[in-house]
Amino acid sequence: MHQQVDITRQFFFKVILPLALLTALLLVGSVGGLIWLANYQTKTAIGEQARLARAAVDVHGEALAKGAADYGHWDEAVTAIIDRFDFTWVDGNIGQAGAENYGLAMAFVLDPENRTVYSYVDGKGGEADARSLLSNGFNEIIAHNRAGDHVSPTSGLVTAGNELALVAVAPLRPFEDKVRPQDTGYLVVFVDVLNGGRLAELGHTYLLPNLRFVDIDNESVDPRARIRISDEIRATARYLAWDPVRPGDALLRMAGPVLVIILCAFVALSIFVLRYSGEAARLIRSSEARAMRDALTGLPNRVLLLDRLDRLVGHLKTRQPGVALMYLDLDGFKAVNDEHGHAAGDEILCRVAERLRSLLREQDTAARLGGDEFVVVMPELTNHEELRTRANRIIETLRAPYRLADIVVEIGVSIGIAVSPTDGRESAALLQKADQALYLAKSSGKGTARFHSDKALRVVNG
């Protein structure tokens, strides 16, 4: 009997106890690993959401500034505002058109003394004073633009009543009229109030649920799920917050009850956790991938484009050859929207994206920046002759007629080309120089392509 007790004790200490300790260590390690994985997933996801929130404001502001610049760079607008003020024309082509195309809350035209000569407020044209409706930074933005190059737009955040608003200011200047000076002194002002409806749209686009403004001292908001945002003079600093997606919390909620069963089925539960973790990671990657794509065309958006371009340009420091960047702007696209509606315009943009894809090499990237602007990145391609050939092919392909139901639409495209490292070794500089080359192409009669480095003003005919 005593021998049996000793054998049992030995078996307990040599087998059962080590197994129990090992199981306990595995349980502690599994629980600790699960908690760490949940926290890591949540931290990573919220960090990505913060980057998307900043991109939502920045990209929206850039689009608003581009729209104001487009409407301000217009011969007919100069004539209708300066030469003989035509209220009906201005109301229809700036106020109402800006509201339809950009969802503007307000639009204004200011004279050289900053007096409002036209306003579009609450869906009606009039002469409401812009400075009485916009404060906390508006005067500073106007002054900054007037002190600039009289060509580029200026944007920023101001106060509109009790809400924050994005404001874009662009000089009113002629497009083809070479006699009139570029500096007319008049300004076109676009205003987009960041109210609940607009924030809901941005939140839907960038996968940021319940996107909203909160006060700085609001303790109910997760400090990781907010970014600081303020007007031009920081008088109304607030946080832009959202309800963060917490994949790690969902993981713990699902796995927590199962941890009780782990005492009897540790292996089975481990497999389940691993499979669930893999599925959660896949869903996060899928969500991030959707956030990096243009919702209409499926092409990479500005965020993904800059990420890829940064990688390519960064390699130039140690490796050759370089990278070519083509900045495309559709000619005649606004007329399609005006004559046939936005549905037709959206269909054209999708067709343009399809045609661009058909012209790309495997290593090339085509992206949509917004509106009717596209960018094509061509790594390991710097030869100007080959780039001319490819630009000509793009121009010919995109200006071929588009058949939409019972109508046929024709548009064109102008292209600005910059080549790295010749034109720069930074993504921002390369985009800026390609945009400058695009402006030269547009000034040359549209339907053409221009190199930024083409000092002889050589035109690549479409």
Protein backbone atom coordinates (compact mmCIF):
# COMPACT_ATOMS: atom_id res chain seq x y z
CA MET A 1 0.00 0.00 0.00
CA HIS A 2 2.81 2.38 0.92
CA GLN A 3 4.56 1.54 -2.35
CA GLN A 4 1.39 2.35 -4.27
CA VAL A 5 1.16 5.72 -2.53
CA ASP A 6 4.78 6.48 -3.41
CA ILE A 7 4.19 5.51 -7.04
CA THR A 8 1.13 7.72 -7.16
CA ARG A 9 3.08 10.61 -5.59
CA GLN A 10 5.95 10.14 -8.00
CA PHE A 11 3.53 10.07 -10.95
CA PHE A 12 1.91 13.23 -9.61
CA PHE A 13 5.18 15.11 -9.22
CA LYS A 14 6.82 13.75 -12.36
CA VAL A 15 3.85 13.84 -14.77
CA ILE A 16 0.71 15.52 -13.46
CA LEU A 17 2.35 18.50 -11.75
CA PRO A 18 4.70 19.32 -14.66
CA LEU A 19 1.79 19.00 -17.09
CA ALA A 20 -0.37 21.19 -14.86
CA LEU A 21 2.39 23.80 -14.60
CA LEU A 22 3.00 23.62 -18.34
CA THR A 23 -0.73 23.97 -18.99
CA ALA A 24 -0.89 26.91 -16.58
CA LEU A 25 2.07 28.55 -18.29
CA LEU A 26 0.49 27.95 -21.68
CA LEU A 27 -2.79 29.41 -20.44
CA VAL A 28 -1.07 32.50 -18.99
CA GLY A 29 1.03 32.87 -22.12
CA SER A 30 -2.02 32.42 -24.34
CA VAL A 31 -4.08 34.93 -22.39
CA GLY A 32 -1.18 37.38 -22.24
CA GLY A 33 -0.47 36.88 -25.94
CA LEU A 34 -4.14 37.32 -26.78
CA ILE A 35 -4.35 40.55 -24.79
CA TRP A 36 -1.14 41.84 -26.40
CA LEU A 37 -2.41 40.94 -29.86
CA ALA A 38 -5.75 42.65 -29.18
CA ASN A 39 -4.05 45.81 -27.96
CA TYR A 40 -1.65 45.80 -30.89
CA GLN A 41 -4.45 45.36 -33.42
CA THR A 42 -6.48 48.13 -31.82
CA LYS A 43 -3.48 50.47 -31.61
CA THR A 44 -2.54 49.81 -35.25
CA ALA A 45 -6.11 50.24 -36.48
CA ILE A 46 -6.65 53.50 -34.57
CA GLY A 47 -3.30 54.83 -35.77
CA GLU A 48 -4.35 54.18 -39.36
CA GLN A 49 -7.71 55.81 -38.69
CA ALA A 50 -5.93 58.92 -37.35
CA ARG A 51 -3.89 59.12 -40.54
CA LEU A 52 -7.06 58.79 -42.60
CA ALA A 53 -8.78 61.50 -40.55
CA ARG A 54 -5.94 63.92 -41.25
CA ALA A 55 -6.01 62.93 -44.92
CA ALA A 56 -9.77 63.51 -45.03
CA VAL A 57 -9.35 67.17 -44.03
CA ASP A 58 -6.21 67.79 -46.09
CA VAL A 59 -7.48 66.17 -49.28
CA HIS A 60 -10.86 67.88 -48.95
CA GLY A 61 -9.15 71.24 -48.49
CA GLU A 62 -6.94 70.65 -51.53
CA ALA A 63 -9.97 69.73 -53.63
CA LEU A 64 -11.78 72.89 -52.49
CA ALA A 65 -8.71 75.04 -53.32
CA LYS A 66 -8.42 73.41 -56.75
CA GLY A 67 -12.10 74.12 -57.41
CA ALA A 68 -11.76 77.79 -56.43
CA ALA A 69 -8.68 78.11 -58.64
CA ASP A 70 -10.50 76.56 -61.60
CA TYR A 71 -13.46 78.94 -61.26
CA GLY A 72 -11.17 81.93 -60.75
CA HIS A 73 -9.03 81.20 -63.83
CA TRP A 74 -11.74 81.94 -66.37
CA ASP A 75 -12.01 84.64 -69.05
CA GLU A 76 -15.82 84.69 -69.01
CA ALA A 77 -15.82 85.18 -65.24
CA VAL A 78 -13.41 88.11 -65.56
CA THR A 79 -15.68 89.72 -68.15
CA ALA A 80 -18.91 89.09 -66.21
CA ILE A 81 -17.49 90.40 -62.92
CA ILE A 82 -15.05 93.18 -63.82
CA ASP A 83 -15.99 94.57 -67.24
CA ARG A 84 -19.76 94.62 -66.82
CA PHE A 85 -21.13 92.92 -63.75
CA ASP A 86 -23.68 90.29 -64.80
CA PHE A 87 -25.39 89.02 -61.66
CA THR A 88 -27.33 86.30 -63.48
CA TRP A 89 -24.18 84.87 -65.06
CA VAL A 90 -22.19 85.00 -61.82
CA ASP A 91 -25.03 83.45 -59.82
CA GLY A 92 -25.48 80.60 -62.27
CA ASN A 93 -21.85 79.86 -63.11
CA ILE A 94 -20.12 80.48 -59.79
CA GLY A 95 -22.67 80.37 -56.97
CA GLN A 96 -25.05 77.68 -58.16
CA ALA A 97 -22.45 75.75 -60.17
CA GLY A 98 -20.04 75.73 -57.21
CA ALA A 99 -22.78 74.44 -54.93
CA GLU A 100 -23.74 71.70 -57.39
CA ASN A 101 -20.19 70.56 -58.21
CA TYR A 102 -18.56 70.92 -54.78
CA GLY A 103 -21.48 71.00 -52.35
CA LEU A 104 -20.51 74.49 -51.19
CA ALA A 105 -22.33 76.14 -48.32
CA MET A 106 -21.25 79.63 -49.42
CA ALA A 107 -19.39 81.37 -52.24
CA PHE A 108 -18.26 84.98 -52.58
CA VAL A 109 -16.54 87.34 -55.01
CA LEU A 110 -14.47 90.14 -53.42
CA ASP A 111 -13.23 93.32 -55.11
CA PRO A 112 -9.70 94.73 -54.63
CA GLU A 113 -10.85 96.48 -51.42
CA ASN A 114 -12.18 93.16 -50.04
CA ARG A 115 -15.78 94.31 -50.43
CA THR A 116 -18.26 91.60 -51.33
CA VAL A 117 -19.67 92.14 -54.83
CA TYR A 118 -21.44 88.79 -54.95
CA SER A 119 -22.46 86.18 -52.37
CA TYR A 120 -24.11 82.78 -52.49
CA VAL A 121 -25.53 81.92 -49.07
CA ASP A 122 -28.31 79.49 -48.11
CA GLY A 123 -28.90 78.64 -51.78
CA LYS A 124 -29.47 82.26 -52.85
CA GLY A 125 -27.32 84.79 -54.64
CA GLY A 126 -26.94 88.27 -53.18
CA GLU A 127 -24.43 90.68 -51.67
CA ALA A 128 -24.09 89.41 -48.09
CA ASP A 129 -20.81 90.58 -46.58
CA ALA A 130 -18.35 87.70 -46.38
CA ARG A 131 -16.53 89.18 -43.41
CA SER A 132 -19.73 89.35 -41.40
CA LEU A 133 -20.30 85.61 -41.91
CA LEU A 134 -16.72 84.33 -41.64
CA SER A 135 -14.30 85.12 -38.80
CA ASN A 136 -11.31 83.84 -36.83
CA GLY A 137 -8.82 83.63 -39.64
CA PHE A 138 -10.73 84.74 -42.73
CA ASN A 139 -9.05 88.14 -42.96
CA GLU A 140 -5.66 86.49 -42.48
CA ILE A 141 -6.31 84.03 -45.32
CA ILE A 142 -7.34 86.91 -47.62
CA ALA A 143 -4.23 88.87 -46.70
CA HIS A 144 -2.01 85.82 -47.20
CA ASN A 145 -3.40 85.26 -50.68
CA ARG A 146 -3.02 88.90 -51.70
CA ALA A 147 0.60 88.80 -50.56
CA GLY A 148 1.27 85.74 -52.69
CA ASP A 149 1.94 85.17 -56.37
CA HIS A 150 -1.60 86.23 -57.49
CA VAL A 151 -2.00 82.82 -59.12
CA SER A 152 -2.13 80.15 -56.44
CA PRO A 153 -5.13 79.56 -54.18
CA THR A 154 -4.97 79.82 -50.38
CA SER A 155 -7.02 77.68 -48.03
CA GLY A 156 -7.54 77.29 -44.30
CA LEU A 157 -10.01 76.86 -41.47
CA VAL A 158 -12.19 79.69 -40.21
CA THR A 159 -15.28 80.12 -38.08
CA ALA A 160 -18.69 80.29 -39.76
CA GLY A 161 -21.18 81.08 -37.04
CA ASN A 162 -20.71 78.36 -34.42
CA GLU A 163 -19.08 75.91 -36.82
CA LEU A 164 -15.71 75.45 -38.47
CA ALA A 165 -15.48 75.83 -42.21
CA LEU A 166 -12.89 75.17 -44.90
CA VAL A 167 -12.24 78.30 -46.98
CA ALA A 168 -10.42 78.45 -50.31
CA VAL A 169 -9.47 81.81 -51.85
CA ALA A 170 -8.26 82.10 -55.45
CA PRO A 171 -7.39 85.16 -57.56
CA LEU A 172 -9.78 86.01 -60.37
CA ARG A 173 -7.59 86.13 -63.48
CA PRO A 174 -7.85 85.66 -67.24
CA PHE A 175 -7.14 82.30 -68.86
CA GLU A 176 -6.41 83.05 -72.52
CA ASP A 177 -6.57 86.85 -72.53
CA LYS A 178 -2.90 87.87 -72.79
CA VAL A 179 -3.63 91.63 -72.78
CA ARG A 180 -5.27 91.92 -69.38
CA PRO A 181 -2.90 91.69 -66.36
CA GLN A 182 -3.12 88.51 -64.32
CA ASP A 183 -3.52 90.47 -61.09
CA THR A 184 -7.08 91.82 -61.31
CA GLY A 185 -7.40 92.31 -57.55
CA TYR A 186 -10.66 90.31 -57.44
CA LEU A 187 -10.92 87.09 -55.45
CA VAL A 188 -13.18 84.02 -55.67
CA VAL A 189 -13.99 82.51 -52.27
CA PHE A 190 -15.37 78.98 -51.78
CA VAL A 191 -16.67 77.96 -48.34
CA ASP A 192 -17.51 74.44 -47.18
CA VAL A 193 -18.97 74.35 -43.66
CA LEU A 194 -17.85 71.25 -41.78
CA ASN A 195 -21.25 70.56 -40.28
CA GLY A 196 -22.67 67.21 -39.27
CA GLY A 197 -23.76 66.30 -42.77
CA ARG A 198 -20.39 67.07 -44.36
CA LEU A 199 -18.49 65.24 -41.62
CA ALA A 200 -20.80 62.25 -42.07
CA GLU A 201 -19.91 62.15 -45.78
CA LEU A 202 -16.18 62.32 -45.02
CA GLY A 203 -16.55 59.71 -42.31
CA HIS A 204 -18.33 57.37 -44.72
CA THR A 205 -15.68 57.89 -47.40
CA TYR A 206 -12.74 57.34 -45.06
CA LEU A 207 -14.35 54.64 -42.87
CA LEU A 208 -14.44 56.84 -39.75
CA PRO A 209 -17.75 56.22 -37.93
CA ASN A 210 -19.46 59.19 -36.23
CA LEU A 211 -16.84 61.70 -37.39
CA ARG A 212 -17.45 64.89 -35.39
CA PHE A 213 -15.88 67.90 -33.64
CA VAL A 214 -15.39 67.78 -29.88
CA ASP A 215 -14.02 70.25 -27.38
CA ILE A 216 -10.47 69.90 -26.15
CA ASP A 217 -11.58 69.05 -22.60
CA ASN A 218 -14.00 66.32 -23.68
CA GLU A 219 -12.84 63.33 -21.63
CA SER A 220 -15.37 60.90 -23.10
CA VAL A 221 -13.36 60.59 -26.32
CA ASP A 222 -10.54 58.07 -26.69
CA PRO A 223 -7.45 60.35 -26.95
CA ARG A 224 -6.04 58.04 -29.64
CA ALA A 225 -9.16 58.50 -31.80
CA ARG A 226 -8.94 62.24 -32.30
CA ILE A 227 -6.71 64.75 -34.04
CA ARG A 228 -6.19 68.40 -33.20
CA ILE A 229 -7.65 70.87 -35.67
CA SER A 230 -8.03 74.64 -35.41
CA ASP A 231 -8.76 77.74 -37.42
CA GLU A 232 -6.08 80.03 -38.87
CA ILE A 233 -5.43 81.93 -35.64
CA ARG A 234 -6.02 78.94 -33.32
CA ALA A 235 -8.93 80.75 -31.67
CA THR A 236 -11.33 77.83 -31.91
CA ALA A 237 -9.01 74.86 -31.53
CA ARG A 238 -10.95 71.62 -31.31
CA TYR A 239 -10.50 67.93 -31.85
CA LEU A 240 -11.83 65.99 -34.82
CA ALA A 241 -12.94 62.71 -33.27
CA TRP A 242 -14.58 59.49 -34.40
CA ASP A 243 -15.75 56.19 -32.92
CA PRO A 244 -12.66 54.02 -33.40
CA VAL A 245 -12.88 50.56 -34.87
CA ARG A 246 -11.41 48.24 -32.23
CA PRO A 247 -10.65 44.85 -33.76
CA GLY A 248 -8.72 43.86 -30.65
CA ASP A 249 -11.70 44.49 -28.37
CA ALA A 250 -13.88 42.39 -30.63
CA LEU A 251 -11.28 39.65 -30.39
CA LEU A 252 -11.34 39.68 -26.61
CA ARG A 253 -15.14 39.73 -26.48
CA MET A 254 -15.29 36.68 -28.66
CA ALA A 255 -12.43 34.76 -27.04
CA GLY A 256 -13.11 35.67 -23.39
CA PRO A 257 -15.94 33.21 -22.71
CA VAL A 258 -14.10 30.52 -24.57
CA LEU A 259 -11.12 30.82 -22.23
CA VAL A 260 -13.17 28.96 -19.60
CA ILE A 261 -13.42 26.01 -21.96
CA ILE A 262 -9.68 26.18 -22.56
CA LEU A 263 -9.15 24.11 -19.38
CA CYS A 264 -10.64 21.14 -21.19
CA ALA A 265 -9.85 21.94 -24.82
CA PHE A 266 -6.71 24.11 -24.89
CA VAL A 267 -5.54 22.91 -28.27
CA ALA A 268 -8.93 23.39 -29.92
CA LEU A 269 -9.24 26.88 -28.50
CA SER A 270 -5.72 27.80 -29.64
CA ILE A 271 -6.62 26.83 -33.18
CA PHE A 272 -9.81 28.89 -32.94
CA VAL A 273 -7.95 31.95 -31.64
CA LEU A 274 -5.32 31.70 -34.34
CA ARG A 275 -7.97 31.36 -37.04
CA TYR A 276 -9.95 34.25 -35.61
CA SER A 277 -6.83 36.42 -35.35
CA GLY A 278 -5.98 35.69 -38.96
CA GLU A 279 -9.51 36.59 -40.05
CA ALA A 280 -9.42 39.81 -38.00
CA ALA A 281 -6.09 40.76 -39.57
CA ARG A 282 -7.48 40.00 -43.02
CA LEU A 283 -10.50 42.23 -42.36
CA ILE A 284 -8.23 45.06 -41.20
CA ARG A 285 -6.06 44.73 -44.28
CA SER A 286 -9.18 44.64 -46.45
CA SER A 287 -10.55 47.78 -44.75
CA GLU A 288 -7.23 49.58 -45.16
CA ALA A 289 -7.05 48.56 -48.83
CA ARG A 290 -10.55 49.98 -49.49
CA ALA A 291 -9.57 53.22 -47.77
CA MET A 292 -6.60 53.50 -50.15
CA ARG A 293 -8.75 53.27 -53.28
CA ASP A 294 -10.87 55.81 -55.12
CA ALA A 295 -14.48 54.79 -54.48
CA LEU A 296 -15.65 55.61 -58.04
CA THR A 297 -12.90 54.24 -60.31
CA GLY A 298 -11.15 51.74 -58.05
CA LEU A 299 -7.79 53.37 -58.81
CA PRO A 300 -5.36 54.19 -55.99
CA ASN A 301 -6.18 57.48 -54.28
CA ARG A 302 -3.78 60.23 -53.22
CA VAL A 303 -2.76 58.47 -49.99
CA LEU A 304 -1.76 55.23 -51.73
CA LEU A 305 -0.16 57.13 -54.64
CA LEU A 306 2.09 59.13 -52.31
CA ASP A 307 3.03 55.98 -50.41
CA ARG A 308 4.13 54.21 -53.61
CA LEU A 309 5.81 57.31 -55.00
CA ASP A 310 7.75 57.85 -51.75
CA ARG A 311 9.05 54.30 -51.98
CA LEU A 312 10.11 54.68 -55.61
CA VAL A 313 11.71 58.11 -55.18
CA GLY A 314 13.41 57.01 -51.97
CA HIS A 315 15.17 54.20 -53.85
CA LEU A 316 16.75 56.75 -56.19
CA LYS A 317 19.21 57.67 -53.48
CA THR A 318 20.95 54.33 -53.96
CA ARG A 319 19.64 52.96 -57.21
CA GLN A 320 19.02 54.05 -60.82
CA PRO A 321 17.22 54.57 -63.17
CA GLY A 322 14.62 57.13 -62.15
CA VAL A 323 10.86 57.63 -62.14
CA ALA A 324 8.57 59.51 -64.53
CA LEU A 325 5.34 61.12 -63.31
CA MET A 326 2.54 62.20 -65.64
CA TYR A 327 -0.10 64.62 -64.29
CA LEU A 328 -3.33 64.32 -66.36
CA ASP A 329 -6.25 66.76 -66.44
CA LEU A 330 -9.26 66.04 -68.64
CA ASP A 331 -10.21 68.72 -71.18
CA GLY A 332 -13.92 69.37 -71.66
CA PHE A 333 -15.01 67.24 -68.69
CA LYS A 334 -16.90 70.08 -67.00
CA ALA A 335 -19.03 70.46 -70.13
CA VAL A 336 -19.98 66.78 -69.90
CA ASN A 337 -21.22 67.27 -66.34
CA ASP A 338 -23.06 70.45 -67.27
CA GLU A 339 -24.74 69.04 -70.40
CA HIS A 340 -25.36 65.40 -69.48
CA GLY A 341 -25.32 65.31 -65.68
CA HIS A 342 -23.05 63.88 -63.03
CA ALA A 343 -24.03 60.28 -63.76
CA ALA A 344 -22.58 60.65 -67.26
CA GLY A 345 -19.52 62.38 -65.79
CA ASP A 346 -18.97 59.51 -63.35
CA GLU A 347 -19.28 56.99 -66.18
CA ILE A 348 -16.69 58.92 -68.20
CA LEU A 349 -14.28 58.89 -65.25
CA CYS A 350 -14.69 55.11 -64.94
CA ARG A 351 -14.10 54.65 -68.68
CA VAL A 352 -11.00 56.88 -68.49
CA ALA A 353 -9.69 54.71 -65.62
CA GLU A 354 -10.26 51.55 -67.71
CA ARG A 355 -8.41 53.00 -70.69
CA LEU A 356 -5.53 54.10 -68.50
CA ARG A 357 -5.23 50.60 -67.03
CA SER A 358 -5.01 49.13 -70.51
CA LEU A 359 -1.97 51.32 -71.28
CA LEU A 360 0.04 50.55 -68.15
CA ARG A 361 2.96 48.25 -67.70
CA GLU A 362 2.89 45.84 -64.79
CA GLN A 363 5.11 48.09 -62.69
CA ASP A 364 3.22 51.33 -63.50
CA THR A 365 0.62 52.97 -61.25
CA ALA A 366 -2.39 55.06 -62.26
CA ALA A 367 -4.20 57.03 -59.54
CA ARG A 368 -7.09 59.46 -59.32
CA LEU A 369 -6.42 62.58 -57.25
CA GLY A 370 -10.01 63.79 -57.38
CA GLY A 371 -12.32 65.52 -59.86
CA ASP A 372 -10.95 64.99 -63.37
CA GLU A 373 -7.28 64.75 -62.34
CA PHE A 374 -5.24 61.57 -62.70
CA VAL A 375 -1.58 60.70 -62.17
CA VAL A 376 0.46 57.96 -63.86
CA VAL A 377 3.75 56.87 -62.27
CA MET A 378 6.23 55.03 -64.52
CA PRO A 379 9.27 53.63 -62.68
CA GLU A 380 12.55 52.98 -64.51
CA LEU A 381 11.50 55.19 -67.41
CA THR A 382 13.28 58.51 -68.00
CA ASN A 383 13.88 58.60 -71.77
CA HIS A 384 12.04 61.65 -73.13
CA GLU A 385 11.36 60.13 -76.53
CA GLU A 386 9.72 57.06 -75.04
CA LEU A 387 7.77 59.24 -72.63
CA ARG A 388 6.56 61.36 -75.56
CA THR A 389 5.40 58.21 -77.29
CA ARG A 390 3.54 57.02 -74.20
CA ALA A 391 2.01 60.46 -73.64
CA ASN A 392 0.80 60.55 -77.24
CA ARG A 393 -0.71 57.10 -76.80
CA ILE A 394 -2.57 58.23 -73.67
CA ILE A 395 -3.85 61.37 -75.40
CA GLU A 396 -5.05 59.45 -78.44
CA THR A 397 -6.66 56.72 -76.33
CA LEU A 398 -8.51 59.06 -73.97
CA ARG A 399 -9.85 61.39 -76.63
CA ALA A 400 -11.45 58.55 -78.63
CA PRO A 401 -15.27 58.95 -78.43
CA TYR A 402 -17.16 57.50 -75.44
CA ARG A 403 -20.57 55.98 -76.15
CA LEU A 404 -22.95 56.34 -73.20
CA ALA A 405 -26.38 54.84 -73.80
CA ASP A 406 -27.82 56.99 -76.62
CA ILE A 407 -25.14 59.72 -76.63
CA VAL A 408 -21.54 59.97 -77.77
CA VAL A 409 -19.16 62.12 -75.71
CA GLU A 410 -15.72 63.38 -76.65
CA ILE A 411 -13.17 64.77 -74.22
CA GLY A 412 -9.46 65.42 -74.31
CA VAL A 413 -6.57 65.35 -71.90
CA SER A 414 -3.57 67.56 -71.15
CA ILE A 415 -0.46 66.07 -69.57
CA GLY A 416 2.38 67.50 -67.50
CA ILE A 417 5.50 65.34 -67.14
CA ALA A 418 8.21 65.46 -64.49
CA VAL A 419 11.15 63.07 -64.26
CA SER A 420 13.07 62.14 -61.12
CA PRO A 421 15.83 62.61 -60.17
CA THR A 422 16.26 65.39 -62.79
CA ASP A 423 13.19 67.34 -61.64
CA GLY A 424 13.49 66.45 -57.96
CA ARG A 425 14.10 63.73 -55.43
CA GLU A 426 11.02 64.28 -53.28
CA SER A 427 7.46 63.18 -54.04
CA ALA A 428 5.93 66.59 -53.27
CA ALA A 429 8.41 68.39 -55.53
CA LEU A 430 7.84 65.92 -58.34
CA LEU A 431 4.05 66.35 -58.14
CA GLN A 432 4.38 70.12 -58.05
CA LYS A 433 6.62 70.23 -61.10
CA ALA A 434 4.37 67.86 -63.02
CA ASP A 435 1.45 70.16 -62.13
CA GLN A 436 3.45 73.15 -63.41
CA ALA A 437 4.15 71.28 -66.64
CA LEU A 438 0.42 70.53 -66.89
CA TYR A 439 -0.30 74.25 -66.63
CA LEU A 440 2.10 74.86 -69.53
CA ALA A 441 0.35 72.14 -71.54
CA LYS A 442 -3.04 73.73 -70.86
CA SER A 443 -1.69 77.14 -71.82
CA SER A 444 -0.38 75.69 -75.08
CA GLY A 445 -3.85 74.87 -76.30
CA LYS A 446 -4.80 71.72 -74.34
CA GLY A 447 -4.68 68.22 -75.76
CA THR A 448 -0.88 68.31 -75.42
CA ALA A 449 1.84 67.12 -73.06
CA ARG A 450 4.73 69.15 -71.71
CA PHE A 451 7.91 68.28 -69.82
CA HIS A 452 8.81 70.44 -66.85
CA SER A 453 12.41 70.46 -68.05
CA ASP A 454 11.48 71.32 -71.65
CA LYS A 455 12.97 74.81 -71.72
CA ALA A 456 12.52 75.07 -75.49
CA LEU A 457 8.75 74.85 -75.00
CA ARG A 458 8.54 71.72 -77.09
CA VAL A 459 5.01 70.38 -77.29
CA VAL A 460 4.12 66.71 -77.51
CA ASN A 461 1.16 66.84 -79.87
CA GLY A 462 -1.91 64.82 -78.87
